[in-house]
Amino acid sequence: MTAIVDRAAAVGVRAVVTIADDLESARWVTRAAEWDPRVYAAVALHPTRADALTDAARAEIEQLVMQPRVVAVGETGIDMYWPGRLDGCAQPSVQREAFAWHIDLAKRTGKPLMIHNRQADREVLDVLRAEGAPRTVIFHCFSSDSAMARECVAAGWLLSLSGTVTFRNARDLRQAVALIPLDQLLVETDAPFLAPHPYRGAANEPYCLPYTVRELAELVHCPPEELAQITTSNARRAYGLGPTTA
C-alpha cells in the first residue's frame, strides 16, 4: 500500500480512500488507514456479497465504521449485472435489504453513503426514495446516462467519475458529464479496474488519476489544475476532512 500511495504522491495525488467490498477487506482497509496518514477507508459489503450480511457481520461493520479514519459507508447499492452470471452472487431482493441497512447505518453515523450502481438506476433510486437518503451520497464510479445524472444532480448527490470517462465509446457517460455541476463532481480510480486511456486494460492505480482529470477538464471546459483543486475540495467536504488534511 505504501508503494501505491508513493506513486500517487509523485503525480500530485495526496490522499486516497480505499474501499472495502467484503468483511475481510473491511478489516484490512481500516488497518491500512491507521498505518498511513495518506489513506482513508470506506467500509461496507458490496451488493454482490450481500448474502454475507449476517447479524455478526452487521455488528462488526458498525464497529469498523465508527473508526475515525473510516470516512464513508461503502460500497453498497444494487448490481443487476452479475446475478445469473456469477456463482454465489446475492440476488436483487437480498441486495435491496442490505442496501437499506447500509443507508440506515450512514444516517446513524453521519458518514457519507458510497453507492455501487450497475445497471440498476431505477432500483437504486427506488430504495433511496423509500428509505430516505442520508445527508451525503456519493455515486461511486458513476457509469449511467444523462437521465440518471439529472436525477442525482437534482437530489444534490455527488457523482464520482473513473477512467471510463476517457473511453471514446462511453458516449452516454461522456454526454452526462456536461450536466454535473462542478461542486457535485468527484474523481476516482475504481482500482484495480477501469484504468484510463492510455493505460486502458492495465492494472489501475491512483497515479493514473491525472489522465481522468485531464479528460474531464476538456469535457467541462475547465483548466485541469483548476478542476483538480475543485474535486479535491469536494472530496474533503464530502468526507469531512479539513482543508489542511493530507
Protein backbone atom coordinates (compact mmCIF):
# COMPACT_ATOMS: atom_id res chain seq x y z
CA MET A 1 0.00 0.00 0.00
CA THR A 2 2.85 2.39 0.79
CA ALA A 3 4.31 1.96 -2.70
CA ILE A 4 0.90 2.67 -4.26
CA VAL A 5 0.40 5.93 -2.39
CA ASP A 6 4.04 6.89 -3.02
CA ARG A 7 3.44 6.56 -6.77
CA ALA A 8 0.25 8.57 -6.37
CA ALA A 9 2.02 11.30 -4.43
CA ALA A 10 4.60 11.60 -7.21
CA VAL A 11 1.85 12.86 -9.58
CA GLY A 12 0.12 15.08 -7.03
CA VAL A 13 -2.47 12.71 -5.54
CA ARG A 14 -2.00 13.43 -1.85
CA ALA A 15 -4.55 11.07 -0.28
CA VAL A 16 -6.76 8.11 -1.19
CA VAL A 17 -9.92 6.46 0.09
CA THR A 18 -9.64 2.70 -0.18
CA ILE A 19 -12.94 0.86 -0.31
CA ALA A 20 -14.00 -2.49 1.17
CA ASP A 21 -16.23 -4.97 -0.61
CA ASP A 22 -16.34 -7.80 1.97
CA LEU A 23 -15.71 -8.22 5.67
CA GLU A 24 -12.09 -9.27 5.30
CA SER A 25 -11.27 -6.25 3.16
CA ALA A 26 -13.21 -4.02 5.57
CA ARG A 27 -10.83 -5.06 8.31
CA TRP A 28 -7.84 -4.56 6.02
CA VAL A 29 -8.74 -1.09 4.78
CA THR A 30 -9.36 0.05 8.34
CA ARG A 31 -5.87 -1.13 9.34
CA ALA A 32 -4.34 0.44 6.22
CA ALA A 33 -5.85 3.79 7.12
CA GLU A 34 -4.25 3.54 10.56
CA TRP A 35 -0.83 2.69 9.11
CA ASP A 36 -0.53 5.51 6.60
CA PRO A 37 -1.83 9.07 7.14
CA ARG A 38 -2.44 9.43 3.39
CA VAL A 39 -5.00 6.61 3.42
CA TYR A 40 -8.65 6.73 4.47
CA ALA A 41 -11.17 3.89 4.40
CA ALA A 42 -14.76 3.14 3.41
CA VAL A 43 -16.48 0.08 4.87
CA ALA A 44 -19.49 -1.96 3.70
CA LEU A 45 -20.42 -5.20 1.96
CA HIS A 46 -20.56 -4.98 -1.83
CA PRO A 47 -24.08 -5.69 -3.09
CA THR A 48 -22.99 -8.89 -4.83
CA ARG A 49 -21.80 -10.12 -1.40
CA ALA A 50 -24.97 -9.11 0.44
CA ASP A 51 -25.69 -12.75 1.38
CA ALA A 52 -22.86 -12.40 3.92
CA LEU A 53 -24.61 -9.62 5.84
CA THR A 54 -25.34 -11.73 8.92
CA ASP A 55 -26.07 -10.29 12.35
CA ALA A 56 -22.41 -10.79 13.27
CA ALA A 57 -21.28 -9.03 10.09
CA ARG A 58 -23.59 -6.11 10.78
CA ALA A 59 -22.20 -5.74 14.28
CA GLU A 60 -18.61 -5.77 13.04
CA ILE A 61 -19.28 -3.32 10.21
CA GLU A 62 -20.95 -0.95 12.66
CA GLN A 63 -17.86 -1.13 14.86
CA LEU A 64 -15.48 -0.56 11.95
CA VAL A 65 -17.47 2.36 10.52
CA MET A 66 -17.07 4.21 13.81
CA GLN A 67 -13.27 4.22 13.49
CA PRO A 68 -12.07 7.81 12.97
CA ARG A 69 -10.26 7.16 9.67
CA VAL A 70 -13.24 5.38 8.13
CA VAL A 71 -14.82 8.24 6.20
CA ALA A 72 -17.72 6.56 4.38
CA VAL A 73 -20.15 3.66 4.33
CA GLY A 74 -19.42 1.91 1.07
CA GLU A 75 -19.54 0.49 -1.32
CA THR A 76 -23.13 -0.62 -1.12
CA GLY A 77 -26.04 -0.48 -3.53
CA ILE A 78 -27.54 -2.72 -6.21
CA ASP A 79 -25.92 -4.64 -9.04
CA MET A 80 -28.23 -6.09 -11.70
CA TYR A 81 -25.40 -7.21 -13.98
CA TRP A 82 -23.86 -10.09 -12.01
CA PRO A 83 -26.88 -12.10 -10.72
CA GLY A 84 -27.17 -15.10 -13.02
CA ARG A 85 -23.61 -14.60 -14.30
CA LEU A 86 -21.59 -15.03 -11.11
CA ASP A 87 -21.93 -18.06 -8.86
CA GLY A 88 -22.79 -17.07 -5.32
CA CYS A 89 -23.87 -13.55 -6.26
CA ALA A 90 -26.60 -12.19 -4.00
CA GLN A 91 -30.00 -11.88 -5.61
CA PRO A 92 -31.61 -8.45 -6.09
CA SER A 93 -34.05 -8.84 -3.18
CA VAL A 94 -31.16 -9.59 -0.81
CA GLN A 95 -29.18 -6.69 -2.24
CA ARG A 96 -32.09 -4.32 -1.64
CA GLU A 97 -32.34 -5.34 2.01
CA ALA A 98 -28.60 -4.93 2.53
CA PHE A 99 -28.63 -1.57 0.75
CA ALA A 100 -31.42 -0.34 3.02
CA TRP A 101 -29.44 -1.40 6.08
CA HIS A 102 -26.32 0.43 4.88
CA ILE A 103 -28.41 3.56 4.20
CA ASP A 104 -29.64 3.46 7.76
CA LEU A 105 -26.06 2.96 9.01
CA ALA A 106 -24.88 6.02 7.09
CA LYS A 107 -27.67 8.10 8.58
CA ARG A 108 -27.00 6.85 12.11
CA THR A 109 -23.26 7.52 11.91
CA GLY A 110 -23.43 10.72 9.87
CA LYS A 111 -20.96 9.36 7.33
CA PRO A 112 -21.35 9.60 3.54
CA LEU A 113 -23.02 6.76 1.66
CA MET A 114 -20.96 5.44 -1.25
CA ILE A 115 -23.17 3.71 -3.82
CA HIS A 116 -22.34 0.95 -6.28
CA ASN A 117 -24.88 1.02 -9.10
CA ARG A 118 -24.50 -1.32 -12.05
CA GLN A 119 -27.40 -1.41 -14.50
CA ALA A 120 -29.74 -0.64 -11.58
CA ASP A 121 -30.68 3.04 -11.88
CA ARG A 122 -34.37 2.53 -11.17
CA GLU A 123 -33.77 0.04 -8.36
CA VAL A 124 -31.23 2.26 -6.60
CA LEU A 125 -33.47 5.32 -6.82
CA ASP A 126 -36.45 3.33 -5.53
CA VAL A 127 -34.57 2.26 -2.40
CA LEU A 128 -33.15 5.72 -1.76
CA ARG A 129 -36.61 7.24 -2.01
CA ALA A 130 -38.19 4.55 0.17
CA GLU A 131 -35.55 4.75 2.89
CA GLY A 132 -34.67 8.42 2.67
CA ALA A 133 -31.15 9.31 1.57
CA PRO A 134 -28.51 10.36 4.09
CA ARG A 135 -27.09 13.87 4.04
CA THR A 136 -24.16 12.99 1.74
CA VAL A 137 -24.50 10.50 -1.12
CA ILE A 138 -21.66 9.60 -3.48
CA PHE A 139 -22.31 7.60 -6.63
CA HIS A 140 -19.10 5.57 -6.84
CA CYS A 141 -17.79 5.02 -10.36
CA PHE A 142 -20.79 6.73 -11.95
CA SER A 143 -21.50 5.00 -15.25
CA SER A 144 -25.08 5.91 -16.07
CA ASP A 145 -26.59 8.22 -18.67
CA SER A 146 -27.86 11.79 -18.74
CA ALA A 147 -31.27 10.89 -17.30
CA MET A 148 -29.69 9.40 -14.19
CA ALA A 149 -27.23 12.28 -13.92
CA ARG A 150 -30.16 14.72 -13.87
CA GLU A 151 -31.85 12.74 -11.07
CA CYS A 152 -28.68 12.70 -8.97
CA VAL A 153 -27.85 16.35 -9.56
CA ALA A 154 -31.38 17.43 -8.64
CA ALA A 155 -31.10 15.49 -5.37
CA GLY A 156 -27.78 17.16 -4.56
CA TRP A 157 -25.76 13.95 -4.72
CA LEU A 158 -22.11 13.69 -5.72
CA LEU A 159 -21.07 11.83 -8.86
CA SER A 160 -17.62 10.25 -8.90
CA LEU A 161 -16.07 9.65 -12.32
CA SER A 162 -13.48 6.99 -13.08
CA GLY A 163 -11.26 6.18 -16.05
CA THR A 164 -14.26 5.12 -18.14
CA VAL A 165 -14.87 8.77 -18.97
CA THR A 166 -11.71 8.65 -21.11
CA PHE A 167 -13.14 5.85 -23.27
CA ARG A 168 -14.41 7.20 -26.59
CA ASN A 169 -17.11 4.52 -26.76
CA ALA A 170 -18.60 5.64 -23.40
CA ARG A 171 -20.82 8.12 -25.24
CA ASP A 172 -23.75 8.19 -22.80
CA LEU A 173 -21.45 8.77 -19.84
CA ARG A 174 -19.42 11.46 -21.61
CA GLN A 175 -22.63 13.29 -22.55
CA ALA A 176 -23.83 13.09 -18.94
CA VAL A 177 -20.70 14.82 -17.65
CA ALA A 178 -21.85 18.19 -19.01
CA LEU A 179 -24.88 18.04 -16.70
CA ILE A 180 -22.85 17.70 -13.49
CA PRO A 181 -22.16 20.94 -11.61
CA LEU A 182 -18.51 21.19 -10.66
CA ASP A 183 -19.35 21.27 -6.96
CA GLN A 184 -21.00 17.83 -7.30
CA LEU A 185 -18.11 16.18 -9.13
CA LEU A 186 -15.51 13.76 -7.76
CA VAL A 187 -12.82 11.70 -9.48
CA GLU A 188 -11.59 8.21 -8.63
CA THR A 189 -9.80 5.16 -9.95
CA ASP A 190 -12.02 2.16 -9.05
CA ALA A 191 -8.63 0.43 -8.82
CA PRO A 192 -7.51 -2.05 -9.93
CA PHE A 193 -10.10 -1.77 -12.70
CA LEU A 194 -11.01 0.80 -15.38
CA ALA A 195 -7.62 2.37 -15.94
CA PRO A 196 -7.96 5.48 -18.09
CA HIS A 197 -6.61 5.83 -21.60
CA PRO A 198 -3.70 5.35 -22.38
CA TYR A 199 -3.47 2.64 -19.68
CA ARG A 200 -6.79 1.01 -20.56
CA GLY A 201 -6.63 -2.72 -19.83
CA ALA A 202 -3.73 -2.38 -17.41
CA ALA A 203 -3.97 -2.53 -13.62
CA ASN A 204 -5.27 0.79 -12.39
CA GLU A 205 -3.71 2.81 -9.57
CA PRO A 206 -4.17 6.34 -8.23
CA TYR A 207 -1.12 7.54 -10.17
CA CYS A 208 -3.30 7.21 -13.29
CA LEU A 209 -5.83 9.72 -11.94
CA PRO A 210 -4.40 12.79 -13.74
CA TYR A 211 -5.43 11.26 -17.09
CA THR A 212 -9.04 11.12 -15.89
CA VAL A 213 -8.86 14.69 -14.59
CA ARG A 214 -7.46 15.98 -17.90
CA GLU A 215 -10.20 14.28 -19.90
CA LEU A 216 -12.89 15.59 -17.59
CA ALA A 217 -11.38 19.07 -17.81
CA GLU A 218 -11.80 19.00 -21.58
CA LEU A 219 -15.41 17.84 -21.30
CA VAL A 220 -16.38 20.57 -18.81
CA HIS A 221 -14.18 23.29 -20.34
CA CYS A 222 -12.14 23.88 -17.22
CA PRO A 223 -8.35 24.03 -16.82
CA PRO A 224 -7.08 20.69 -15.42
CA GLU A 225 -5.30 22.35 -12.49
CA GLU A 226 -8.48 24.17 -11.51
CA LEU A 227 -10.59 21.02 -11.82
CA ALA A 228 -8.09 19.13 -9.66
CA GLN A 229 -8.44 21.79 -6.97
CA ILE A 230 -12.25 21.75 -7.21
CA THR A 231 -12.58 17.97 -6.97
CA THR A 232 -10.07 17.86 -4.11
CA SER A 233 -12.14 20.45 -2.22
CA ASN A 234 -15.31 18.48 -2.97
CA ALA A 235 -13.75 15.29 -1.62
CA ARG A 236 -12.56 16.98 1.55
CA ARG A 237 -16.03 18.41 2.12
CA ALA A 238 -17.81 15.12 1.37
CA TYR A 239 -15.59 13.02 3.60
CA GLY A 240 -15.44 15.54 6.41
CA LEU A 241 -11.71 16.24 6.07
CA GLY A 242 -10.28 19.62 6.94
CA PRO A 243 -8.77 21.85 4.24
CA THR A 244 -5.26 21.18 5.53
CA THR A 245 -5.67 17.40 5.74
CA ALA A 246 -3.18 15.45 3.64
